[in-house]
């Protein structure tokens, strides 16, 4: 198998609202869109984000009314504090304040208008013991 591209598809109530949130605040662009569908990309993301309107008859019956929940759309960024300041200046509510985890992850979260969690992350992992690398 050769994977030529990747995407994540999320079922939401309001495709236009989630699309506008990623376009307006995270620099994505809409590559394709139709009634109940939008595919967004940015050249450095490594994947497309696809929004599908809940209830679309083209989805299998056991999936069409599912809502994207318990899912975190995470982006690793270079300037975490700068992104936090920018989003706050743009009026985006921070739903998880900047945290520092013991394993080296630093992150904060926001939510889009459909409640999808978007997390921005950087890594300051502690140096590993060379003896542990061989394991």
C-alpha atoms as a PDB file:
ATOM      1  CA  UNK A   1       0.000   0.000   0.000  1.00  0.00           C
ATOM      2  CA  UNK A   2       1.124   3.533  -0.775  1.00  0.00           C
ATOM      3  CA  UNK A   3      -0.728   6.350   0.996  1.00  0.00           C
ATOM      4  CA  UNK A   4      -0.774   9.443  -1.195  1.00  0.00           C
ATOM      5  CA  UNK A   5      -2.635  11.780   1.152  1.00  0.00           C
ATOM      6  CA  UNK A   6      -4.535  11.819   4.440  1.00  0.00           C
ATOM      7  CA  UNK A   7      -7.726  13.396   5.719  1.00  0.00           C
ATOM      8  CA  UNK A   8      -9.822  13.414   8.836  1.00  0.00           C
ATOM      9  CA  UNK A   9     -13.604  13.574   8.364  1.00  0.00           C
ATOM     10  CA  UNK A  10     -15.767  15.019  11.106  1.00  0.00           C
ATOM     11  CA  UNK A  11     -19.567  15.058  11.283  1.00  0.00           C
ATOM     12  CA  UNK A  12     -20.892  18.425  12.481  1.00  0.00           C
ATOM     13  CA  UNK A  13     -24.215  20.239  12.523  1.00  0.00           C
ATOM     14  CA  UNK A  14     -22.954  23.393  10.795  1.00  0.00           C
ATOM     15  CA  UNK A  15     -20.299  22.720   8.147  1.00  0.00           C
ATOM     16  CA  UNK A  16     -19.969  26.394   7.194  1.00  0.00           C
ATOM     17  CA  UNK A  17     -19.266  27.439  10.809  1.00  0.00           C
ATOM     18  CA  UNK A  18     -16.502  24.863  11.358  1.00  0.00           C
ATOM     19  CA  UNK A  19     -15.027  25.634   7.945  1.00  0.00           C
ATOM     20  CA  UNK A  20     -15.009  29.388   8.590  1.00  0.00           C
ATOM     21  CA  UNK A  21     -13.349  28.816  11.988  1.00  0.00           C
ATOM     22  CA  UNK A  22     -10.388  26.885  10.508  1.00  0.00           C
ATOM     23  CA  UNK A  23     -10.110  29.278   7.554  1.00  0.00           C
ATOM     24  CA  UNK A  24     -10.345  32.435   9.652  1.00  0.00           C
ATOM     25  CA  UNK A  25      -8.246  31.451  12.650  1.00  0.00           C
ATOM     26  CA  UNK A  26      -5.912  28.700  11.437  1.00  0.00           C
ATOM     27  CA  UNK A  27      -5.104  29.609   7.844  1.00  0.00           C
ATOM     28  CA  UNK A  28      -6.794  26.668   6.128  1.00  0.00           C
ATOM     29  CA  UNK A  29      -8.372  27.142   2.706  1.00  0.00           C
ATOM     30  CA  UNK A  30     -11.459  25.471   1.357  1.00  0.00           C
ATOM     31  CA  UNK A  31     -10.381  23.184  -1.486  1.00  0.00           C
ATOM     32  CA  UNK A  32     -13.809  21.719  -2.198  1.00  0.00           C
ATOM     33  CA  UNK A  33     -17.277  22.472  -0.888  1.00  0.00           C
ATOM     34  CA  UNK A  34     -20.855  21.485  -1.601  1.00  0.00           C
ATOM     35  CA  UNK A  35     -24.093  21.317   0.359  1.00  0.00           C
ATOM     36  CA  UNK A  36     -23.175  19.588   3.613  1.00  0.00           C
ATOM     37  CA  UNK A  37     -19.496  19.125   2.761  1.00  0.00           C
ATOM     38  CA  UNK A  38     -16.233  21.048   2.934  1.00  0.00           C
ATOM     39  CA  UNK A  39     -12.641  19.882   2.488  1.00  0.00           C
ATOM     40  CA  UNK A  40      -9.973  22.181   3.909  1.00  0.00           C
ATOM     41  CA  UNK A  41      -6.211  22.115   3.559  1.00  0.00           C
ATOM     42  CA  UNK A  42      -3.036  24.000   4.200  1.00  0.00           C
ATOM     43  CA  UNK A  43       0.260  23.042   2.612  1.00  0.00           C
ATOM     44  CA  UNK A  44       2.007  22.389   5.926  1.00  0.00           C
ATOM     45  CA  UNK A  45      -0.739  20.433   7.719  1.00  0.00           C
ATOM     46  CA  UNK A  46      -0.011  17.055   6.127  1.00  0.00           C
ATOM     47  CA  UNK A  47      -3.715  16.237   5.878  1.00  0.00           C
ATOM     48  CA  UNK A  48      -7.063  17.630   4.872  1.00  0.00           C
ATOM     49  CA  UNK A  49      -9.825  18.332   7.352  1.00  0.00           C
ATOM     50  CA  UNK A  50     -13.231  17.360   5.988  1.00  0.00           C
ATOM     51  CA  UNK A  51     -16.504  18.474   7.531  1.00  0.00           C
ATOM     52  CA  UNK A  52     -19.677  16.537   6.776  1.00  0.00           C
ATOM     53  CA  UNK A  53     -23.127  17.680   7.832  1.00  0.00           C
ATOM     54  CA  UNK A  54     -24.802  15.244  10.206  1.00  0.00           C
ATOM     55  CA  UNK A  55     -27.705  13.446   8.587  1.00  0.00           C
ATOM     56  CA  UNK A  56     -26.287  13.360   5.043  1.00  0.00           C
ATOM     57  CA  UNK A  57     -28.049  10.507   3.224  1.00  0.00           C
ATOM     58  CA  UNK A  58     -24.804   9.620   1.430  1.00  0.00           C
ATOM     59  CA  UNK A  59     -23.298   8.476   4.758  1.00  0.00           C
ATOM     60  CA  UNK A  60     -24.020   4.930   5.940  1.00  0.00           C
ATOM     61  CA  UNK A  61     -27.172   4.828   8.072  1.00  0.00           C
ATOM     62  CA  UNK A  62     -25.260   3.844  11.210  1.00  0.00           C
ATOM     63  CA  UNK A  63     -22.943   6.893  10.861  1.00  0.00           C
ATOM     64  CA  UNK A  64     -25.022   9.708   9.432  1.00  0.00           C
ATOM     65  CA  UNK A  65     -26.290  11.056  12.738  1.00  0.00           C
ATOM     66  CA  UNK A  66     -23.038  10.622  14.660  1.00  0.00           C
ATOM     67  CA  UNK A  67     -21.395  13.777  15.925  1.00  0.00           C
ATOM     68  CA  UNK A  68     -17.652  14.296  16.159  1.00  0.00           C
ATOM     69  CA  UNK A  69     -17.141  14.078  19.913  1.00  0.00           C
ATOM     70  CA  UNK A  70     -14.241  13.235  22.183  1.00  0.00           C
ATOM     71  CA  UNK A  71     -11.917  14.107  19.333  1.00  0.00           C
ATOM     72  CA  UNK A  72      -8.993  16.541  19.510  1.00  0.00           C
ATOM     73  CA  UNK A  73      -7.693  18.129  16.311  1.00  0.00           C
ATOM     74  CA  UNK A  74      -4.091  18.871  17.319  1.00  0.00           C
ATOM     75  CA  UNK A  75      -1.559  21.010  15.484  1.00  0.00           C
ATOM     76  CA  UNK A  76       2.095  21.234  16.514  1.00  0.00           C
ATOM     77  CA  UNK A  77       3.258  24.846  16.152  1.00  0.00           C
ATOM     78  CA  UNK A  78       6.541  26.750  16.455  1.00  0.00           C
ATOM     79  CA  UNK A  79       5.389  29.683  18.611  1.00  0.00           C
ATOM     80  CA  UNK A  80       2.804  28.439  21.087  1.00  0.00           C
ATOM     81  CA  UNK A  81       2.661  31.621  23.159  1.00  0.00           C
ATOM     82  CA  UNK A  82       2.412  33.740  20.011  1.00  0.00           C
ATOM     83  CA  UNK A  83      -0.477  31.627  18.721  1.00  0.00           C
ATOM     84  CA  UNK A  84      -2.214  31.860  22.082  1.00  0.00           C
ATOM     85  CA  UNK A  85      -1.915  35.665  22.061  1.00  0.00           C
ATOM     86  CA  UNK A  86      -3.076  35.885  18.438  1.00  0.00           C
ATOM     87  CA  UNK A  87      -6.164  33.740  19.003  1.00  0.00           C
ATOM     88  CA  UNK A  88      -7.091  35.643  22.164  1.00  0.00           C
ATOM     89  CA  UNK A  89      -6.728  38.942  20.252  1.00  0.00           C
ATOM     90  CA  UNK A  90      -9.048  37.502  17.595  1.00  0.00           C
ATOM     91  CA  UNK A  91     -11.657  36.836  20.297  1.00  0.00           C
ATOM     92  CA  UNK A  92     -11.322  33.035  20.344  1.00  0.00           C
ATOM     93  CA  UNK A  93     -12.158  31.659  23.792  1.00  0.00           C
ATOM     94  CA  UNK A  94      -9.457  29.459  25.279  1.00  0.00           C
ATOM     95  CA  UNK A  95     -11.168  26.398  26.772  1.00  0.00           C
ATOM     96  CA  UNK A  96      -8.017  24.817  28.234  1.00  0.00           C
ATOM     97  CA  UNK A  97      -5.322  27.162  29.453  1.00  0.00           C
ATOM     98  CA  UNK A  98      -1.699  26.595  28.525  1.00  0.00           C
ATOM     99  CA  UNK A  99      -0.495  23.481  30.311  1.00  0.00           C
ATOM    100  CA  UNK A 100       2.913  21.869  30.738  1.00  0.00           C
ATOM    101  CA  UNK A 101       2.883  18.079  30.945  1.00  0.00           C
ATOM    102  CA  UNK A 102       5.669  16.093  32.598  1.00  0.00           C
ATOM    103  CA  UNK A 103       6.376  14.261  29.313  1.00  0.00           C
ATOM    104  CA  UNK A 104       7.289  17.526  27.573  1.00  0.00           C
ATOM    105  CA  UNK A 105       4.047  18.514  25.872  1.00  0.00           C
ATOM    106  CA  UNK A 106       2.827  22.079  26.229  1.00  0.00           C
ATOM    107  CA  UNK A 107      -0.645  22.780  24.904  1.00  0.00           C
ATOM    108  CA  UNK A 108      -3.790  24.866  25.024  1.00  0.00           C
ATOM    109  CA  UNK A 109      -7.218  24.274  23.522  1.00  0.00           C
ATOM    110  CA  UNK A 110     -10.036  26.183  21.875  1.00  0.00           C
ATOM    111  CA  UNK A 111     -13.387  25.000  20.494  1.00  0.00           C
ATOM    112  CA  UNK A 112     -14.961  25.735  17.155  1.00  0.00           C
ATOM    113  CA  UNK A 113     -18.646  26.769  16.841  1.00  0.00           C
ATOM    114  CA  UNK A 114     -19.687  23.073  16.681  1.00  0.00           C
ATOM    115  CA  UNK A 115     -17.757  22.250  19.858  1.00  0.00           C
ATOM    116  CA  UNK A 116     -14.804  20.549  18.130  1.00  0.00           C
ATOM    117  CA  UNK A 117     -11.629  20.800  20.176  1.00  0.00           C
ATOM    118  CA  UNK A 118      -8.616  22.341  18.447  1.00  0.00           C
ATOM    119  CA  UNK A 119      -5.384  21.984  20.388  1.00  0.00           C
ATOM    120  CA  UNK A 120      -2.127  23.758  19.669  1.00  0.00           C
ATOM    121  CA  UNK A 121       0.967  21.986  20.930  1.00  0.00           C
ATOM    122  CA  UNK A 122       4.708  22.254  21.157  1.00  0.00           C
ATOM    123  CA  UNK A 123       7.196  19.810  22.615  1.00  0.00           C
ATOM    124  CA  UNK A 124       9.952  20.340  25.109  1.00  0.00           C
ATOM    125  CA  UNK A 125      10.546  16.699  25.886  1.00  0.00           C
ATOM    126  CA  UNK A 126      13.122  16.011  28.568  1.00  0.00           C
ATOM    127  CA  UNK A 127      16.335  14.402  27.357  1.00  0.00           C
ATOM    128  CA  UNK A 128      16.073  10.643  27.525  1.00  0.00           C
ATOM    129  CA  UNK A 129      18.669   8.529  29.255  1.00  0.00           C
ATOM    130  CA  UNK A 130      20.857   7.082  26.441  1.00  0.00           C
ATOM    131  CA  UNK A 131      20.571   3.653  28.080  1.00  0.00           C
ATOM    132  CA  UNK A 132      16.782   3.780  27.569  1.00  0.00           C
ATOM    133  CA  UNK A 133      16.987   4.583  23.833  1.00  0.00           C
ATOM    134  CA  UNK A 134      18.073   1.045  22.981  1.00  0.00           C
ATOM    135  CA  UNK A 135      14.852  -0.389  24.444  1.00  0.00           C
END
